[in-house]
């Protein structure tokens, strides 16, 4: 299993003391001995800081009253021994929090620019000149060394949402999951780890590329776990145990969690599913409901069990399917709704719990993964069926049909009156290409030919010589260029 970021066992971490502990109120003593013990302390402080999702940590916060801080404000780990601020410039108010004052933030005036002199773990002199957020971080940590907390300097203190105190592991892979994760990160949720699929070959070069969830997690400095297969279950559970999650949130993860994983977090595991369960359980609810011509869908948050999307319902919200919706637009609206809903459920769980309702298994329908063959347009179906298939697979992977030996993708189409043979091109015009179906006709409005970008039907008509009377689809061996 590939692990990116800090995921360390408890033996390598230290306990963070919180407000009220007298050790936070005293002045720290200078370090005089630069030895192996100092190095071990710095290592454990850094591991503790990353585990707690902090950007800085003073030694006094782990019960050691010495003038030592570690920080990582986005430029990598920095160790500062005996730091002193030698220059300050400007002043700016901003909100900040502290690992030793969990659940609160305060508005504090800090210098805009500071210069700090310090020593490294070997005793060598270092100089740091920073501004903005980095200056705030350094001032905050050096304050700890003098027995000062941000609440002592704050003009306004606010209590953070209870959900921000939950340690959450997120599991998911595609863009839908990334949108949900983005909502959680934006809401200051303590996402302590992300589990996603291994990097897969993508694009023309087929080079390994990270999933959308991995890219967002790395941008947000969240450790990433990438199990190769179910054979990694024991390794995954061990790393999840080290992360100490209160809750696991999954969205489009694509795997059923085993009982050991389900039992690991104290608040259990919840799943964000893009349908009104128990309808459309499975991997492809958005595509399946569009193919079926549904006019309403929604998002369901469930408490997970060992079945496939079968756990009790915690929250459910309906969403209309608009006539102009395709899989892309509906996906984005459902993902945004799911992000809002998961925050609501997390808030309820953090406040003490939420009622659940068992699913009615007798009403369950299923949405299995889409096979490649299903994306081909069958022109013998009704015009409504063809349009629904186009909507279900736009913008990706695209519903396709054969034309002159090539596979062209139809990314936008509408129903129209009239009749004609199945797949017969009836009219060709910049406003649309009319094609016959088993019942009614379709008007093609957006097309993609192999190796080219999607284009409007007007661009297609101007660039390609499609003629009335040609037949789209049919057996490949019967098509002649």
Protein backbone atom coordinates (compact mmCIF):
# COMPACT_ATOMS: atom_id res chain seq x y z
CA UNK A 1 0.00 0.00 0.00
CA UNK A 2 1.33 3.42 -0.95
CA UNK A 3 1.26 6.02 1.85
CA UNK A 4 1.87 9.72 1.14
CA UNK A 5 2.15 12.00 4.15
CA UNK A 6 2.53 11.50 7.88
CA UNK A 7 0.74 8.42 9.27
CA UNK A 8 2.59 7.37 12.42
CA UNK A 9 1.94 4.87 15.22
CA UNK A 10 1.13 6.19 18.72
CA UNK A 11 4.61 5.28 19.99
CA UNK A 12 6.07 8.11 17.90
CA UNK A 13 3.69 10.80 19.14
CA UNK A 14 3.22 12.91 22.25
CA UNK A 15 0.13 14.12 24.09
CA UNK A 16 -0.87 17.74 23.50
CA UNK A 17 -1.75 19.52 26.74
CA UNK A 18 -4.75 21.85 26.70
CA UNK A 19 -5.77 25.14 28.28
CA UNK A 20 -5.89 24.96 32.05
CA UNK A 21 -2.67 22.98 32.35
CA UNK A 22 -0.18 25.16 34.30
CA UNK A 23 2.69 24.12 32.03
CA UNK A 24 1.21 26.41 29.35
CA UNK A 25 1.43 29.44 31.62
CA UNK A 26 5.13 29.39 32.48
CA UNK A 27 8.11 30.74 30.58
CA UNK A 28 10.16 28.16 28.72
CA UNK A 29 13.89 27.69 29.34
CA UNK A 30 16.62 28.01 26.67
CA UNK A 31 18.11 24.85 25.22
CA UNK A 32 21.77 24.42 26.13
CA UNK A 33 22.47 20.85 25.06
CA UNK A 34 22.25 19.87 21.41
CA UNK A 35 22.30 16.10 21.58
CA UNK A 36 20.43 12.98 20.54
CA UNK A 37 17.66 13.61 23.05
CA UNK A 38 16.94 16.97 21.43
CA UNK A 39 16.74 15.27 18.01
CA UNK A 40 14.28 12.68 19.31
CA UNK A 41 12.14 15.40 20.87
CA UNK A 42 12.07 17.36 17.60
CA UNK A 43 11.10 14.21 15.68
CA UNK A 44 8.24 13.44 18.05
CA UNK A 45 7.05 17.03 18.05
CA UNK A 46 6.87 17.06 14.23
CA UNK A 47 5.04 13.73 14.16
CA UNK A 48 2.59 15.01 16.78
CA UNK A 49 1.99 18.26 14.88
CA UNK A 50 1.19 16.43 11.64
CA UNK A 51 -1.02 13.90 13.40
CA UNK A 52 -3.02 16.72 14.99
CA UNK A 53 -3.32 18.54 11.62
CA UNK A 54 -1.50 21.55 13.03
CA UNK A 55 0.80 24.02 11.30
CA UNK A 56 2.95 24.62 14.35
CA UNK A 57 3.74 23.18 17.78
CA UNK A 58 5.75 24.50 20.73
CA UNK A 59 7.53 22.14 23.11
CA UNK A 60 5.53 23.50 26.01
CA UNK A 61 2.38 22.14 24.31
CA UNK A 62 3.68 18.61 24.83
CA UNK A 63 4.69 19.32 28.41
CA UNK A 64 8.35 20.25 27.78
CA UNK A 65 9.06 23.85 28.92
CA UNK A 66 11.97 24.49 26.56
CA UNK A 67 12.32 27.11 23.85
CA UNK A 68 11.64 24.86 20.87
CA UNK A 69 9.05 25.09 18.08
CA UNK A 70 8.35 23.17 14.90
CA UNK A 71 6.29 24.68 12.08
CA UNK A 72 5.12 23.78 8.60
CA UNK A 73 3.11 26.56 6.97
CA UNK A 74 3.32 25.00 3.53
CA UNK A 75 7.05 25.23 2.83
CA UNK A 76 8.12 22.05 4.60
CA UNK A 77 9.10 21.27 8.18
CA UNK A 78 11.12 23.92 10.02
CA UNK A 79 12.75 23.26 13.43
CA UNK A 80 13.61 26.31 15.51
CA UNK A 81 15.53 26.02 18.78
CA UNK A 82 15.79 29.10 21.03
CA UNK A 83 13.88 31.29 18.55
CA UNK A 84 13.69 35.03 19.08
CA UNK A 85 11.84 37.65 17.05
CA UNK A 86 14.38 40.33 16.10
CA UNK A 87 12.24 42.41 13.75
CA UNK A 88 8.53 43.18 13.44
CA UNK A 89 6.76 45.29 10.81
CA UNK A 90 3.13 46.22 10.28
CA UNK A 91 0.05 44.84 11.97
CA UNK A 92 -2.90 42.81 10.72
CA UNK A 93 -5.86 41.19 12.44
CA UNK A 94 -6.82 37.64 11.62
CA UNK A 95 -8.46 34.57 13.13
CA UNK A 96 -6.35 31.71 14.45
CA UNK A 97 -6.79 28.59 16.50
CA UNK A 98 -4.58 26.41 18.66
CA UNK A 99 -4.16 22.70 19.35
CA UNK A 100 -4.07 23.54 23.06
CA UNK A 101 -7.40 25.43 22.87
CA UNK A 102 -9.52 22.98 20.86
CA UNK A 103 -12.85 24.12 19.49
CA UNK A 104 -12.17 27.87 19.53
CA UNK A 105 -10.77 30.57 17.27
CA UNK A 106 -9.88 34.14 18.08
CA UNK A 107 -9.11 37.35 16.22
CA UNK A 108 -5.58 38.45 17.01
CA UNK A 109 -3.44 41.34 15.76
CA UNK A 110 -0.07 40.06 14.55
CA UNK A 111 2.88 41.61 12.68
CA UNK A 112 2.69 41.39 8.90
CA UNK A 113 6.42 40.69 8.66
CA UNK A 114 8.86 39.19 11.16
CA UNK A 115 12.49 38.16 11.28
CA UNK A 116 13.40 35.30 13.60
CA UNK A 117 16.83 34.11 14.67
CA UNK A 118 17.20 30.60 16.08
CA UNK A 119 19.35 27.47 16.08
CA UNK A 120 18.81 24.14 14.36
CA UNK A 121 19.06 20.73 16.02
CA UNK A 122 22.84 20.84 15.62
CA UNK A 123 23.14 24.25 17.26
CA UNK A 124 23.88 26.10 14.02
CA UNK A 125 22.43 29.61 13.68
CA UNK A 126 19.45 30.06 11.34
CA UNK A 127 17.62 33.18 10.18
CA UNK A 128 14.01 33.29 9.00
CA UNK A 129 12.25 36.24 7.38
CA UNK A 130 8.57 35.69 6.59
CA UNK A 131 5.36 37.66 6.11
CA UNK A 132 1.59 37.15 6.13
CA UNK A 133 0.28 33.81 7.30
CA UNK A 134 3.76 32.42 7.99
CA UNK A 135 4.56 35.40 10.23
CA UNK A 136 1.34 34.78 12.16
CA UNK A 137 2.26 31.12 12.69
CA UNK A 138 5.73 31.93 14.01
CA UNK A 139 4.45 34.65 16.36
CA UNK A 140 1.76 32.32 17.67
CA UNK A 141 4.26 29.54 18.47
CA UNK A 142 6.88 31.84 19.99
CA UNK A 143 4.13 33.30 22.19
CA UNK A 144 3.75 29.82 23.70
CA UNK A 145 7.37 29.93 24.84
CA UNK A 146 6.57 33.01 26.95
CA UNK A 147 3.44 31.44 28.48
CA UNK A 148 0.97 33.31 26.24
CA UNK A 149 -2.03 31.78 24.45
CA UNK A 150 -3.88 33.40 21.56
CA UNK A 151 -6.92 33.81 23.80
CA UNK A 152 -4.86 36.19 25.95
CA UNK A 153 -4.41 38.50 22.95
CA UNK A 154 -7.74 37.99 21.22
CA UNK A 155 -10.35 40.72 20.99
CA UNK A 156 -13.02 38.24 19.85
CA UNK A 157 -13.28 34.51 20.55
CA UNK A 158 -15.71 32.29 18.65
CA UNK A 159 -16.67 28.68 19.20
CA UNK A 160 -16.13 26.47 16.16
CA UNK A 161 -18.76 24.07 14.85
CA UNK A 162 -18.70 20.80 16.84
CA UNK A 163 -18.01 18.84 13.66
CA UNK A 164 -14.59 20.49 13.34
CA UNK A 165 -13.46 18.56 16.44
CA UNK A 166 -14.10 15.18 14.82
CA UNK A 167 -11.11 13.37 13.37
CA UNK A 168 -12.37 12.18 9.98
CA UNK A 169 -10.95 9.77 7.42
CA UNK A 170 -12.36 10.25 3.91
CA UNK A 171 -12.61 7.45 1.36
CA UNK A 172 -13.33 8.07 -2.32
CA UNK A 173 -11.74 8.34 -5.74
CA UNK A 174 -13.57 10.21 -8.57
CA UNK A 175 -14.60 13.83 -9.01
CA UNK A 176 -17.90 13.28 -7.15
CA UNK A 177 -15.94 12.28 -4.05
CA UNK A 178 -13.48 15.16 -4.50
CA UNK A 179 -16.34 17.69 -4.50
CA UNK A 180 -17.65 16.26 -1.22
CA UNK A 181 -14.15 16.29 0.28
CA UNK A 182 -13.67 19.90 -0.85
CA UNK A 183 -16.80 20.94 1.07
CA UNK A 184 -15.44 19.24 4.19
CA UNK A 185 -12.02 20.87 3.89
CA UNK A 186 -13.58 24.29 3.26
CA UNK A 187 -15.67 23.83 6.43
CA UNK A 188 -12.49 23.31 8.48
CA UNK A 189 -13.28 19.66 9.18
CA UNK A 190 -10.29 17.78 10.59
CA UNK A 191 -9.73 15.38 7.69
CA UNK A 192 -6.81 13.36 9.03
CA UNK A 193 -6.48 10.95 6.12
CA UNK A 194 -7.81 10.13 2.64
CA UNK A 195 -8.10 6.63 1.19
CA UNK A 196 -8.29 6.42 -2.59
CA UNK A 197 -7.48 4.15 -5.52
CA UNK A 198 -3.89 3.71 -6.74
CA UNK A 199 -2.66 6.00 -9.52
CA UNK A 200 -3.95 4.68 -12.86
CA UNK A 201 -2.70 5.14 -16.44
CA UNK A 202 -4.57 8.01 -18.09
CA UNK A 203 -4.40 10.09 -21.23
CA UNK A 204 -2.66 9.41 -24.52
CA UNK A 205 0.64 8.65 -22.85
CA UNK A 206 -1.01 6.27 -20.37
CA UNK A 207 1.11 7.64 -17.57
CA UNK A 208 0.04 6.94 -13.98
CA UNK A 209 -2.07 9.83 -12.72
CA UNK A 210 -3.52 10.50 -9.26
CA UNK A 211 -7.25 10.40 -8.61
CA UNK A 212 -9.15 13.68 -8.05
CA UNK A 213 -9.38 12.83 -4.34
CA UNK A 214 -5.63 12.30 -4.06
CA UNK A 215 -4.87 15.59 -5.82
CA UNK A 216 -7.17 17.53 -3.50
CA UNK A 217 -5.90 15.72 -0.41
CA UNK A 218 -2.29 16.54 -1.23
CA UNK A 219 -3.19 20.18 -1.87
CA UNK A 220 -4.88 20.22 1.54
CA UNK A 221 -1.92 18.48 3.25
CA UNK A 222 -3.99 15.42 4.08
CA UNK A 223 -2.12 12.07 4.27
CA UNK A 224 -3.12 9.69 1.46
CA UNK A 225 -3.47 5.90 1.66
CA UNK A 226 -3.71 3.92 -1.59
CA UNK A 227 -4.38 0.21 -1.01
CA UNK A 228 -3.72 -1.90 -4.11
CA UNK A 229 -6.43 -4.48 -3.44
CA UNK A 230 -8.42 -6.29 -0.78
CA UNK A 231 -5.16 -8.09 0.07
CA UNK A 232 -4.08 -4.80 1.68
CA UNK A 233 -6.95 -4.90 4.19
CA UNK A 234 -4.76 -5.68 7.22
CA UNK A 235 -2.24 -2.97 6.28
CA UNK A 236 -5.03 -0.46 5.66
CA UNK A 237 -6.71 -1.20 8.99
CA UNK A 238 -3.38 -0.75 10.79
CA UNK A 239 -2.81 2.66 9.23
CA UNK A 240 -6.41 3.71 9.86
CA UNK A 241 -5.98 2.73 13.50
CA UNK A 242 -2.92 4.98 13.73
CA UNK A 243 -4.99 7.89 12.35
CA UNK A 244 -7.47 7.47 15.25
CA UNK A 245 -10.61 8.55 13.33
CA UNK A 246 -13.82 9.41 15.11
CA UNK A 247 -15.68 8.93 11.81
CA UNK A 248 -15.09 7.51 8.34
CA UNK A 249 -16.89 9.21 5.42
CA UNK A 250 -17.07 7.46 2.05
CA UNK A 251 -18.28 8.77 -1.31
CA UNK A 252 -17.96 6.79 -4.55
CA UNK A 253 -15.25 4.68 -2.94
CA UNK A 254 -16.19 1.61 -4.96
CA UNK A 255 -15.44 -1.01 -2.30
CA UNK A 256 -17.42 -2.58 0.52
CA UNK A 257 -15.74 -2.08 3.88
CA UNK A 258 -15.05 -5.11 6.04
CA UNK A 259 -16.37 -5.43 9.59
CA UNK A 260 -13.01 -4.51 11.18
CA UNK A 261 -12.95 -1.21 9.31
CA UNK A 262 -16.62 -0.48 10.01
CA UNK A 263 -16.05 -0.99 13.74
CA UNK A 264 -12.89 1.12 13.91
CA UNK A 265 -14.21 4.71 14.33
CA UNK A 266 -16.22 5.42 17.48
CA UNK A 267 -19.01 7.11 15.45
CA UNK A 268 -19.00 4.50 12.71
CA UNK A 269 -18.84 4.93 8.94
CA UNK A 270 -21.21 6.93 6.75
CA UNK A 271 -21.64 6.93 2.97
CA UNK A 272 -22.75 9.67 0.57
CA UNK A 273 -24.79 8.04 -2.23
CA UNK A 274 -26.16 9.82 -5.31
CA UNK A 275 -29.69 8.44 -5.33
CA UNK A 276 -32.83 8.22 -3.23
CA UNK A 277 -32.05 4.88 -1.63
CA UNK A 278 -33.12 2.12 -1.70
CA UNK A 279 -33.47 2.93 -5.41
CA UNK A 280 -30.34 2.71 -7.55
CA UNK A 281 -27.96 1.00 -5.18
CA UNK A 282 -24.58 0.43 -6.77
CA UNK A 283 -21.81 2.00 -8.82
CA UNK A 284 -23.65 4.02 -11.50
CA UNK A 285 -26.81 5.61 -10.06
CA UNK A 286 -26.57 8.84 -12.09
CA UNK A 287 -26.18 7.13 -15.46
CA UNK A 288 -28.82 4.52 -14.73
CA UNK A 289 -31.49 6.97 -13.59
CA UNK A 290 -30.90 9.19 -16.63
CA UNK A 291 -31.18 6.20 -18.95
CA UNK A 292 -34.46 5.34 -17.25
CA UNK A 293 -35.80 8.86 -17.78
CA UNK A 294 -36.28 9.63 -14.08
CA UNK A 295 -37.50 13.11 -13.23
CA UNK A 296 -36.36 13.11 -9.60
CA UNK A 297 -33.29 11.89 -7.77
CA UNK A 298 -31.34 13.02 -4.73
CA UNK A 299 -28.66 12.18 -2.21
CA UNK A 300 -28.81 9.77 0.70
CA UNK A 301 -26.44 9.60 3.66
CA UNK A 302 -26.44 6.15 5.23
CA UNK A 303 -24.77 4.50 8.19
CA UNK A 304 -22.71 1.81 6.51
CA UNK A 305 -23.06 -1.93 7.00
CA UNK A 306 -21.41 -4.83 5.20
CA UNK A 307 -23.92 -4.72 2.33
CA UNK A 308 -23.92 -2.62 -0.85
CA UNK A 309 -25.56 0.73 -0.05
CA UNK A 310 -27.96 -1.09 2.28
CA UNK A 311 -27.35 0.61 5.62
CA UNK A 312 -29.95 2.65 7.55
CA UNK A 313 -30.72 6.15 6.25
CA UNK A 314 -29.47 9.12 8.28
CA UNK A 315 -30.49 11.92 5.90
CA UNK A 316 -32.09 12.10 2.47
CA UNK A 317 -32.78 15.07 0.18
CA UNK A 318 -34.54 15.02 -3.19
CA UNK A 319 -33.39 16.92 -6.27
CA UNK A 320 -35.33 17.38 -9.54
CA UNK A 321 -33.77 16.09 -12.73
CA UNK A 322 -33.94 18.99 -15.18
CA UNK A 323 -34.70 18.48 -18.88
CA UNK A 324 -31.32 20.00 -19.74
CA UNK A 325 -29.41 17.81 -17.28
CA UNK A 326 -26.81 15.34 -18.50
CA UNK A 327 -24.59 13.14 -16.33
CA UNK A 328 -22.08 15.97 -15.93
CA UNK A 329 -24.43 18.68 -14.72
CA UNK A 330 -26.48 16.32 -12.55
CA UNK A 331 -23.27 14.88 -11.08
CA UNK A 332 -22.09 18.35 -10.01
CA UNK A 333 -25.42 19.31 -8.47
CA UNK A 334 -25.66 16.03 -6.56
CA UNK A 335 -22.07 16.26 -5.34
CA UNK A 336 -22.59 19.80 -4.03
CA UNK A 337 -25.78 18.69 -2.28
CA UNK A 338 -23.93 15.69 -0.84
CA UNK A 339 -21.21 17.95 0.55
CA UNK A 340 -23.77 20.11 2.35
CA UNK A 341 -25.61 17.05 3.67
CA UNK A 342 -22.53 15.30 5.03
CA UNK A 343 -21.66 18.44 7.01
CA UNK A 344 -25.17 18.41 8.48
CA UNK A 345 -24.86 14.76 9.48
CA UNK A 346 -21.40 15.29 10.95
CA UNK A 347 -22.71 18.21 13.00
CA UNK A 348 -25.54 16.04 14.37
CA UNK A 349 -23.15 13.20 15.21
CA UNK A 350 -20.78 15.59 16.97
CA UNK A 351 -23.66 16.96 19.04
CA UNK A 352 -24.74 13.55 20.27
CA UNK A 353 -26.31 11.50 17.51
CA UNK A 354 -28.89 11.27 14.76
CA UNK A 355 -31.89 9.02 14.23
CA UNK A 356 -31.73 6.46 11.44
CA UNK A 357 -34.36 4.65 9.41
CA UNK A 358 -33.89 1.15 7.94
CA UNK A 359 -34.17 0.86 4.18
CA UNK A 360 -37.08 -1.05 2.64
CA UNK A 361 -35.22 -3.80 0.80
CA UNK A 362 -38.39 -4.75 -1.10
CA UNK A 363 -38.20 -1.39 -2.94
CA UNK A 364 -34.51 -1.72 -3.80
CA UNK A 365 -33.30 -1.33 -7.38
CA UNK A 366 -29.74 -1.59 -8.60
CA UNK A 367 -27.35 0.48 -10.70
CA UNK A 368 -24.47 -1.78 -11.74
CA UNK A 369 -21.32 -0.46 -13.35
CA UNK A 370 -21.70 0.62 -16.97
CA UNK A 371 -20.17 -1.72 -19.55
CA UNK A 372 -18.54 -0.37 -22.69
CA UNK A 373 -21.18 -1.96 -24.92
CA UNK A 374 -23.98 -0.07 -23.18
CA UNK A 375 -22.68 3.27 -24.41
CA UNK A 376 -23.47 2.41 -28.06
CA UNK A 377 -26.65 4.03 -29.39
CA UNK A 378 -29.37 1.64 -30.55
CA UNK A 379 -31.31 3.63 -33.14
CA UNK A 380 -34.14 1.07 -33.13
CA UNK A 381 -35.15 2.34 -29.68
CA UNK A 382 -37.49 5.30 -29.24
CA UNK A 383 -36.24 8.85 -29.65
CA UNK A 384 -36.74 9.37 -25.91
CA UNK A 385 -34.54 6.33 -25.14
CA UNK A 386 -31.80 7.60 -27.45
CA UNK A 387 -31.86 11.08 -25.92
CA UNK A 388 -31.75 9.60 -22.42
CA UNK A 389 -28.73 7.51 -23.33
CA UNK A 390 -26.96 10.57 -24.73
CA UNK A 391 -27.70 12.45 -21.50
CA UNK A 392 -26.54 9.52 -19.36
CA UNK A 393 -23.08 9.40 -20.93
CA UNK A 394 -22.34 13.07 -21.55
CA UNK A 395 -19.81 14.53 -21.26
CA UNK A 396 -17.91 11.27 -20.56
CA UNK A 397 -17.51 8.62 -21.83
CA UNK A 398 -20.02 9.72 -24.50
CA UNK A 399 -22.74 7.72 -26.22
CA UNK A 400 -21.42 6.63 -29.61
CA UNK A 401 -22.52 5.40 -32.99
CA UNK A 402 -20.77 4.24 -36.15
CA UNK A 403 -20.43 6.54 -39.16
CA UNK A 404 -18.32 5.64 -42.20
CA UNK A 405 -16.32 3.13 -40.18
CA UNK A 406 -15.55 5.49 -37.31
CA UNK A 407 -17.12 5.77 -33.90
CA UNK A 408 -18.46 9.27 -33.34
CA UNK A 409 -19.79 10.43 -29.98
CA UNK A 410 -23.12 12.20 -29.61
CA UNK A 411 -22.93 14.52 -26.61
CA UNK A 412 -26.17 16.49 -26.99
CA UNK A 413 -29.43 15.55 -28.68
CA UNK A 414 -33.12 16.31 -28.46
CA UNK A 415 -36.38 14.70 -29.54
CA UNK A 416 -38.25 15.86 -32.62
CA UNK A 417 -41.37 15.04 -34.62
CA UNK A 418 -41.24 13.06 -37.81
CA UNK A 419 -40.21 9.57 -38.73
CA UNK A 420 -37.56 7.72 -40.64
CA UNK A 421 -35.61 4.50 -40.68
CA UNK A 422 -33.63 3.63 -37.58
CA UNK A 423 -30.32 5.49 -37.79
CA UNK A 424 -31.21 7.17 -41.10
CA UNK A 425 -29.87 10.70 -41.52
CA UNK A 426 -32.94 12.68 -42.59
CA UNK A 427 -31.70 16.27 -42.72
CA UNK A 428 -28.33 17.95 -42.26
CA UNK A 429 -28.34 21.62 -41.22
CA UNK A 430 -26.29 23.96 -38.98
CA UNK A 431 -29.22 23.94 -36.52
CA UNK A 432 -29.09 20.16 -36.12
CA UNK A 433 -28.84 16.78 -37.81
CA UNK A 434 -32.13 14.89 -37.78
CA UNK A 435 -31.87 11.11 -37.42
CA UNK A 436 -34.63 8.52 -37.46
CA UNK A 437 -35.26 6.10 -34.59
CA UNK A 438 -37.61 3.23 -33.86
CA UNK A 439 -40.22 5.78 -32.81
CA UNK A 440 -39.78 9.47 -33.64
CA UNK A 441 -36.58 11.30 -34.54
CA UNK A 442 -33.59 12.81 -32.77
CA UNK A 443 -31.75 16.02 -33.53
CA UNK A 444 -28.01 15.84 -32.93
CA UNK A 445 -26.57 19.07 -31.52
CA UNK A 446 -23.07 18.30 -30.22
CA UNK A 447 -20.66 15.74 -31.69
CA UNK A 448 -17.12 14.48 -31.15
CA UNK A 449 -15.18 12.67 -33.86
CA UNK A 450 -12.22 10.41 -32.93
CA UNK A 451 -9.13 12.31 -31.80
CA UNK A 452 -10.85 15.73 -31.83
CA UNK A 453 -12.50 17.96 -29.28
CA UNK A 454 -16.30 18.08 -28.92
CA UNK A 455 -17.86 20.54 -31.39
CA UNK A 456 -21.27 22.04 -32.08
CA UNK A 457 -23.36 20.56 -34.84
CA UNK A 458 -22.78 23.75 -36.86
CA UNK A 459 -19.02 23.20 -36.71
CA UNK A 460 -19.53 19.55 -37.63
CA UNK A 461 -21.70 20.37 -40.65
CA UNK A 462 -19.15 22.92 -41.86
CA UNK A 463 -16.23 20.52 -41.45
CA UNK A 464 -17.65 17.10 -42.37
CA UNK A 465 -19.68 15.99 -45.36
CA UNK A 466 -22.49 14.01 -43.75
CA UNK A 467 -25.33 13.48 -46.22
CA UNK A 468 -29.06 12.75 -45.89
CA UNK A 469 -29.76 9.08 -46.54
CA UNK A 470 -26.65 7.81 -44.75
CA UNK A 471 -27.21 5.26 -41.98
CA UNK A 472 -25.68 5.62 -38.53
CA UNK A 473 -24.90 2.49 -36.52
CA UNK A 474 -25.22 -1.05 -37.76
CA UNK A 475 -22.74 -3.88 -37.69
CA UNK A 476 -19.15 -2.71 -38.11
CA UNK A 477 -18.40 -5.12 -40.92
CA UNK A 478 -21.34 -3.74 -42.91
CA UNK A 479 -20.03 -0.19 -42.81
CA UNK A 480 -17.95 0.93 -45.78
CA UNK A 481 -16.02 4.17 -45.94
